[in-house]
Structures are given as structure tokens and as C-alpha cells.
């Protein structure tokens, strides 16, 4: 891991995966009430999409370089 303009570079893939796993754990710990499940579904979709968006951006960047 190196620092570039004050930010860590190279560990975003790991951090997005850890974040998604934490979101899944949060979702599984929610109460089984309807209100909690509705909000939980949205949190699950939003929280796990971060890694997907990162991977998509990485692939697009690699295609531009090639």
C-alpha cells in the first residue's frame, strides 16, 4: 500500500469487500419487523453495490489502458 496525495492507494478493493460483509452482518441482525426489513433491504442493496461499482470502474480503466 502506498500513499498518493494523502490517500491510501491499493486497498480499496479490500475495504469495499469488508464494508459489504459488515452490511450483510448488519442486515442479518435487524429485527424481523416489516419496517426494519424494508429499510434493511435498501441498506443491503446500497451497501453491497459499492464493491460492484468499484470493480466496474477498474475494468473500464483497464480497457482504456489496453
Protein backbone atom coordinates (compact mmCIF):
# COMPACT_ATOMS: atom_id res chain seq x y z
CA UNK A 1 0.00 0.00 0.00
CA UNK A 2 1.35 3.39 -0.95
CA UNK A 3 0.25 6.91 -0.20
CA UNK A 4 -0.67 9.16 -3.08
CA UNK A 5 -1.80 12.73 -2.40
CA UNK A 6 -2.62 11.87 1.20
CA UNK A 7 -4.78 8.84 0.40
CA UNK A 8 -4.06 5.16 0.65
CA UNK A 9 -3.82 3.51 -2.74
CA UNK A 10 -4.30 -0.16 -3.47
CA UNK A 11 -6.51 -1.26 -0.60
CA UNK A 12 -9.90 -0.05 -1.83
CA UNK A 13 -10.82 -3.50 -3.14
CA UNK A 14 -10.25 -4.97 0.32
CA UNK A 15 -12.09 -2.15 2.09
CA UNK A 16 -15.15 -2.38 -0.18
CA UNK A 17 -15.35 -6.14 0.42
CA UNK A 18 -15.08 -5.68 4.20
CA UNK A 19 -17.75 -2.97 4.06
CA UNK A 20 -20.12 -5.22 2.12
CA UNK A 21 -19.61 -8.04 4.63
CA UNK A 22 -20.32 -5.65 7.51
CA UNK A 23 -23.53 -4.55 5.77
CA UNK A 24 -24.62 -8.18 5.36
CA UNK A 25 -23.97 -8.81 9.06
CA UNK A 26 -25.97 -5.70 9.97
CA UNK A 27 -28.85 -6.84 7.78
CA UNK A 28 -28.91 -10.29 9.37
CA UNK A 29 -29.00 -8.72 12.85
CA UNK A 30 -32.00 -6.50 12.11
CA UNK A 31 -35.32 -7.16 13.78
CA UNK A 32 -37.77 -9.22 11.77
CA UNK A 33 -40.38 -6.46 11.80
CA UNK A 34 -41.67 -5.30 8.44
CA UNK A 35 -40.31 -1.76 8.83
CA UNK A 36 -36.82 -2.98 9.67
CA UNK A 37 -36.80 -5.39 6.75
CA UNK A 38 -37.86 -2.72 4.26
CA UNK A 39 -35.07 -0.39 5.37
CA UNK A 40 -32.68 -3.34 5.65
CA UNK A 41 -33.34 -4.37 2.05
CA UNK A 42 -32.36 -0.91 0.84
CA UNK A 43 -29.26 -0.83 3.06
CA UNK A 44 -28.25 -4.26 1.75
CA UNK A 45 -28.62 -3.20 -1.90
CA UNK A 46 -26.81 0.10 -1.39
CA UNK A 47 -24.03 -1.24 0.80
CA UNK A 48 -23.13 -4.17 -1.42
CA UNK A 49 -23.22 -2.14 -4.65
CA UNK A 50 -20.15 -0.13 -3.61
CA UNK A 51 -17.78 -3.00 -4.43
CA UNK A 52 -19.55 -3.73 -7.71
CA UNK A 53 -19.21 -0.11 -8.81
CA UNK A 54 -15.53 -0.11 -7.86
CA UNK A 55 -14.85 -3.28 -9.87
CA UNK A 56 -16.75 -1.88 -12.85
CA UNK A 57 -14.66 1.29 -12.76
CA UNK A 58 -11.45 -0.74 -12.55
CA UNK A 59 -12.43 -2.80 -15.58
CA UNK A 60 -13.35 0.31 -17.57
CA UNK A 61 -9.99 1.86 -16.66
CA UNK A 62 -8.13 -1.28 -17.75
CA UNK A 63 -9.98 -1.29 -21.09
CA UNK A 64 -8.94 2.32 -21.73
CA UNK A 65 -5.30 1.50 -21.00
CA UNK A 66 -5.23 -1.55 -23.30
